[in-house]
Amino acid sequence: MKKIFVLFSLVAFFCFAATTPSFAFAQEDETTETEQLEQEYTTTMADEVLDSPSFHQVLKEKFIEGGASWMAPLLLLLIMGLALVIERIIYLTMSKTNTQKLLKNVEEALNNGGVEAAKELCRNTRGPVATIFYQGLDHIDEGIESVEKSIVSLGGISMARLEKNMGWLNWIISSSPMVGFLGTAVGMVMAFDAIEAAGDISPTVVAGGMKVALLTTVFALIVALIVQFFYNYLGNKIESIVEDMENASIEFIDIMVKHLNSKK
């Protein structure tokens, strides 16, 4: 019985040893095929990425397909809006002043060199806040009420200068979608004219007019969104400058009162 058991064990061992290499070779073949498939898929995807046009190319193609009669006004509105935005950013950046430092320097100039020294300091400092301070110092001999009136008057003028051209930006924001909607209406009319001329309502007949309608609307909304973003940015910047101007004017009047009281 033991001999039979040993015999069966030897037969099972040799059978397992014989099948193991073939199984290993099968696994190696499957691994090689998988690697080849992965490599082919990666190469195909890379070729598709290289062949696919970039966003800039697609945008340019769609812009041309929209037609010059509608895309040219939208492009003009965009250029005009960006030019006004750049002008406002430069002006508002130059109008920004460190009001606390200026107030401290004006107070020191008043205490050490008098009104003329403070006026010279404001004259050499850029920005509407320094201009308002100069206007107040110029009326200091007429009393504190005259100083306050001059500051309020010049403050209103300075605010108007800060908001210059903002109305034009608002007009561009509202006009761009109107141009797009007009192009949409015209594109729809073109589509119905094509249907009438062909006597057929197939997609090929109406595709041209519908494409003009949709592309005009898309680009009009893009122009409006771009200008709207900068309009909000400039509005926040103007509010910040005006708030600094108002707070600085109040502190400046306190300095003027203190200076006038010290002279009595």
Protein backbone atom coordinates (compact mmCIF):
# COMPACT_ATOMS: atom_id res chain seq x y z
CA MET A 1 0.00 0.00 0.00
CA LYS A 2 2.82 2.38 0.86
CA LYS A 3 4.51 1.60 -2.48
CA ILE A 4 1.30 2.49 -4.35
CA PHE A 5 0.99 5.77 -2.41
CA VAL A 6 4.64 6.64 -3.16
CA LEU A 7 4.08 5.81 -6.84
CA PHE A 8 1.03 8.07 -7.09
CA SER A 9 2.98 10.89 -5.36
CA LEU A 10 5.82 10.61 -7.86
CA VAL A 11 3.39 10.65 -10.80
CA ALA A 12 1.59 13.74 -9.41
CA PHE A 13 4.91 15.55 -8.85
CA PHE A 14 6.11 14.93 -12.42
CA CYS A 15 2.74 16.03 -13.85
CA PHE A 16 2.85 19.29 -11.85
CA ALA A 17 6.45 19.91 -12.90
CA ALA A 18 5.51 19.36 -16.52
CA THR A 19 2.54 21.78 -16.47
CA THR A 20 4.27 24.60 -14.55
CA PRO A 21 6.60 25.77 -17.38
CA SER A 22 3.75 25.81 -19.88
CA PHE A 23 1.63 27.89 -17.45
CA ALA A 24 4.53 30.29 -16.94
CA PHE A 25 5.02 30.64 -20.67
CA ALA A 26 1.29 31.33 -21.08
CA GLN A 27 1.46 34.07 -18.45
CA GLU A 28 4.48 35.60 -20.18
CA ASP A 29 2.64 35.57 -23.52
CA GLU A 30 -0.41 37.26 -21.98
CA THR A 31 1.81 39.91 -20.32
CA THR A 32 3.57 40.60 -23.62
CA GLU A 33 0.27 40.98 -25.47
CA THR A 34 -1.04 43.35 -22.76
CA GLU A 35 2.07 45.51 -22.95
CA GLN A 36 1.79 45.67 -26.74
CA LEU A 37 -1.87 46.70 -26.53
CA GLU A 38 -1.08 49.39 -23.94
CA GLN A 39 1.76 50.71 -26.10
CA GLU A 40 -0.47 50.82 -29.18
CA TYR A 41 -3.23 52.62 -27.22
CA THR A 42 -0.75 55.18 -25.85
CA THR A 43 0.67 55.82 -29.34
CA THR A 44 -2.83 56.23 -30.78
CA MET A 45 -3.85 58.69 -28.06
CA ALA A 46 -0.64 60.69 -28.53
CA ASP A 47 -1.26 60.91 -32.27
CA GLU A 48 -4.84 62.09 -31.67
CA VAL A 49 -3.62 64.79 -29.25
CA LEU A 50 -1.04 65.98 -31.75
CA ASP A 51 -3.55 65.99 -34.60
CA SER A 52 -6.33 67.76 -32.63
CA PRO A 53 -6.35 71.58 -33.08
CA SER A 54 -5.57 73.87 -30.17
CA PHE A 55 -8.15 76.08 -28.47
CA HIS A 56 -6.67 79.15 -30.17
CA GLN A 57 -7.00 77.54 -33.61
CA VAL A 58 -10.61 76.48 -32.95
CA LEU A 59 -11.48 79.95 -31.70
CA LYS A 60 -9.95 81.55 -34.78
CA GLU A 61 -11.77 79.17 -37.13
CA LYS A 62 -15.13 79.79 -35.46
CA PHE A 63 -14.51 83.52 -35.51
CA ILE A 64 -13.96 83.41 -39.27
CA GLU A 65 -16.99 81.18 -39.77
CA GLY A 66 -19.16 83.72 -37.96
CA GLY A 67 -18.74 86.20 -40.79
CA ALA A 68 -16.88 89.52 -40.94
CA SER A 69 -20.06 91.59 -40.95
CA TRP A 70 -20.90 90.53 -37.38
CA MET A 71 -17.56 89.53 -35.91
CA ALA A 72 -15.81 92.80 -36.88
CA PRO A 73 -18.11 94.99 -34.68
CA LEU A 74 -17.68 92.57 -31.78
CA LEU A 75 -13.90 92.62 -32.20
CA LEU A 76 -13.98 96.42 -32.31
CA LEU A 77 -16.03 96.54 -29.10
CA LEU A 78 -13.58 94.17 -27.40
CA ILE A 79 -10.54 96.23 -28.44
CA MET A 80 -12.24 99.44 -27.33
CA GLY A 81 -13.20 97.92 -23.99
CA LEU A 82 -9.71 96.57 -23.29
CA ALA A 83 -8.14 99.92 -24.23
CA LEU A 84 -10.41 101.74 -21.76
CA VAL A 85 -9.70 99.12 -19.10
CA ILE A 86 -5.92 99.55 -19.49
CA GLU A 87 -6.26 103.35 -19.32
CA ARG A 88 -8.38 103.13 -16.14
CA ILE A 89 -6.05 100.65 -14.47
CA ILE A 90 -3.05 102.91 -15.08
CA TYR A 91 -4.92 106.02 -13.86
CA LEU A 92 -6.30 104.35 -10.73
CA THR A 93 -2.93 102.81 -9.89
CA MET A 94 -1.32 106.24 -10.08
CA SER A 95 -4.16 107.69 -7.99
CA LYS A 96 -3.54 105.29 -5.12
CA THR A 97 -1.79 106.99 -2.20
CA ASN A 98 -0.58 105.91 1.22
CA THR A 99 -2.96 108.26 3.03
CA GLN A 100 -1.70 107.52 6.55
CA LYS A 101 1.87 108.32 5.60
CA LEU A 102 0.76 111.47 3.78
CA LEU A 103 -1.28 112.65 6.78
CA LYS A 104 1.69 112.11 9.07
CA ASN A 105 4.01 114.02 6.73
CA VAL A 106 1.51 116.90 6.35
CA GLU A 107 1.15 117.21 10.12
CA GLU A 108 4.93 117.24 10.58
CA ALA A 109 5.32 119.81 7.80
CA LEU A 110 2.68 122.05 9.42
CA ASN A 111 4.38 121.85 12.81
CA ASN A 112 7.91 122.39 11.48
CA GLY A 113 7.60 124.55 8.36
CA GLY A 114 4.07 125.93 8.43
CA VAL A 115 1.40 125.98 5.75
CA GLU A 116 3.77 126.61 2.83
CA ALA A 117 5.87 123.55 3.69
CA ALA A 118 2.74 121.41 3.86
CA LYS A 119 1.52 122.81 0.52
CA GLU A 120 4.87 122.05 -1.08
CA LEU A 121 4.68 118.49 0.21
CA CYS A 122 1.18 118.01 -1.26
CA ARG A 123 2.24 119.60 -4.54
CA ASN A 124 5.02 117.04 -4.94
CA THR A 125 2.77 114.07 -4.09
CA ARG A 126 0.65 112.49 -6.82
CA GLY A 127 -2.94 111.40 -6.42
CA PRO A 128 -6.31 113.03 -5.71
CA VAL A 129 -5.84 112.87 -1.93
CA ALA A 130 -2.78 115.12 -2.08
CA THR A 131 -4.67 117.49 -4.40
CA ILE A 132 -7.55 117.72 -1.93
CA PHE A 133 -5.13 118.39 0.91
CA TYR A 134 -3.48 121.15 -1.11
CA GLN A 135 -6.88 122.72 -1.79
CA GLY A 136 -7.68 122.67 1.93
CA LEU A 137 -4.34 124.20 2.86
CA ASP A 138 -4.86 126.92 0.26
CA HIS A 139 -8.05 128.03 2.09
CA ILE A 140 -6.78 127.68 5.64
CA ASP A 141 -6.61 131.45 6.14
CA GLU A 142 -10.35 131.70 5.43
CA GLY A 143 -11.31 129.43 8.33
CA ILE A 144 -12.16 125.79 8.84
CA GLU A 145 -15.58 126.10 7.16
CA SER A 146 -13.94 127.29 3.95
CA VAL A 147 -11.49 124.40 4.18
CA GLU A 148 -14.35 121.91 4.48
CA LYS A 149 -16.25 123.39 1.52
CA SER A 150 -13.17 123.34 -0.70
CA ILE A 151 -12.48 119.72 0.25
CA VAL A 152 -16.06 118.67 -0.50
CA SER A 153 -16.09 120.48 -3.85
CA LEU A 154 -12.78 119.08 -5.03
CA GLY A 155 -13.69 115.67 -3.68
CA GLY A 156 -16.70 115.53 -5.98
CA ILE A 157 -14.54 116.52 -8.95
CA SER A 158 -11.96 113.87 -8.04
CA MET A 159 -14.63 111.17 -7.84
CA ALA A 160 -15.87 112.14 -11.30
CA ARG A 161 -12.32 111.82 -12.63
CA LEU A 162 -11.96 108.38 -11.05
CA GLU A 163 -15.18 107.21 -12.71
CA LYS A 164 -14.27 108.61 -16.11
CA ASN A 165 -14.87 106.18 -19.02
CA MET A 166 -16.74 103.76 -16.76
CA GLY A 167 -19.93 104.73 -18.60
CA TRP A 168 -18.35 103.66 -21.90
CA LEU A 169 -17.44 100.29 -20.40
CA ASN A 170 -21.02 99.87 -19.22
CA TRP A 171 -22.22 100.72 -22.73
CA ILE A 172 -19.92 98.06 -24.25
CA ILE A 173 -21.21 95.46 -21.78
CA SER A 174 -24.82 96.17 -22.73
CA SER A 175 -24.20 96.66 -26.47
CA SER A 176 -22.23 93.47 -27.13
CA PRO A 177 -25.14 91.10 -26.41
CA MET A 178 -27.42 93.34 -28.47
CA VAL A 179 -25.11 92.97 -31.46
CA GLY A 180 -25.06 89.21 -30.85
CA PHE A 181 -28.84 89.00 -30.69
CA LEU A 182 -29.11 91.04 -33.88
CA GLY A 183 -26.72 88.61 -35.58
CA THR A 184 -28.83 85.74 -34.26
CA ALA A 185 -31.98 87.23 -35.77
CA VAL A 186 -30.25 87.82 -39.10
CA GLY A 187 -28.89 84.25 -39.09
CA MET A 188 -32.38 82.89 -38.53
CA VAL A 189 -33.69 84.98 -41.43
CA MET A 190 -30.88 83.58 -43.60
CA ALA A 191 -31.86 80.05 -42.59
CA PHE A 192 -35.51 80.60 -43.54
CA ASP A 193 -34.48 82.21 -46.82
CA ALA A 194 -32.40 79.12 -47.60
CA ILE A 195 -35.38 76.88 -46.80
CA GLU A 196 -37.61 78.97 -49.07
CA ALA A 197 -35.11 78.90 -51.92
CA ALA A 198 -34.44 75.16 -51.68
CA GLY A 199 -38.00 74.14 -50.93
CA ASP A 200 -36.60 71.73 -48.36
CA ILE A 201 -36.12 71.82 -44.60
CA SER A 202 -33.15 69.45 -44.40
CA PRO A 203 -30.36 70.21 -41.87
CA THR A 204 -27.89 70.94 -44.65
CA VAL A 205 -30.03 73.81 -45.93
CA VAL A 206 -30.43 75.59 -42.57
CA ALA A 207 -26.98 74.81 -41.12
CA GLY A 208 -25.26 77.91 -42.53
CA GLY A 209 -27.71 80.43 -41.14
CA MET A 210 -27.98 78.68 -37.79
CA LYS A 211 -24.20 78.59 -37.44
CA VAL A 212 -23.94 82.36 -38.00
CA ALA A 213 -26.71 82.92 -35.46
CA LEU A 214 -25.14 80.80 -32.73
CA LEU A 215 -21.53 81.92 -33.28
CA THR A 216 -22.52 85.59 -33.18
CA THR A 217 -24.29 85.07 -29.86
CA VAL A 218 -21.39 83.10 -28.37
CA PHE A 219 -18.73 85.68 -29.24
CA ALA A 220 -20.97 88.56 -28.13
CA LEU A 221 -21.40 86.98 -24.72
CA ILE A 222 -17.64 86.33 -24.47
CA VAL A 223 -16.93 90.03 -25.14
CA ALA A 224 -19.52 91.10 -22.57
CA LEU A 225 -18.16 88.72 -19.92
CA ILE A 226 -14.56 89.89 -20.39
CA VAL A 227 -15.45 93.58 -20.14
CA GLN A 228 -17.84 92.91 -17.24
CA PHE A 229 -15.06 91.25 -15.24
CA PHE A 230 -12.77 94.26 -15.59
CA TYR A 231 -15.67 96.66 -14.97
CA ASN A 232 -16.33 95.04 -11.60
CA TYR A 233 -12.61 95.07 -10.80
CA LEU A 234 -12.33 98.77 -11.59
CA GLY A 235 -15.50 99.54 -9.64
CA ASN A 236 -14.06 97.89 -6.52
CA LYS A 237 -10.80 99.77 -6.98
CA ILE A 238 -12.64 103.09 -7.28
CA GLU A 239 -14.66 102.37 -4.15
CA SER A 240 -11.46 101.63 -2.24
CA ILE A 241 -9.83 104.90 -3.36
CA VAL A 242 -12.97 106.93 -2.56
CA GLU A 243 -13.20 105.38 0.90
CA ASP A 244 -9.55 106.22 1.59
CA MET A 245 -10.18 109.73 0.30
CA GLU A 246 -13.14 110.30 2.61
CA ASN A 247 -11.39 108.92 5.70
CA ALA A 248 -8.24 110.90 4.94
CA SER A 249 -10.27 114.10 4.45
CA ILE A 250 -11.86 113.71 7.88
CA GLU A 251 -8.49 113.20 9.54
CA PHE A 252 -7.05 116.12 7.54
CA ILE A 253 -9.77 118.44 8.83
CA ASP A 254 -8.95 117.36 12.39
CA ILE A 255 -5.30 118.24 11.74
CA MET A 256 -6.35 121.65 10.38
CA VAL A 257 -8.50 122.35 13.45
CA LYS A 258 -5.65 121.36 15.73
CA HIS A 259 -3.26 123.61 13.80
CA LEU A 260 -5.63 126.60 13.88
CA ASN A 261 -6.22 126.15 17.62
CA SER A 262 -2.49 126.03 18.25
CA LYS A 263 -2.06 129.43 16.57
CA LYS A 264 -4.57 131.16 18.90
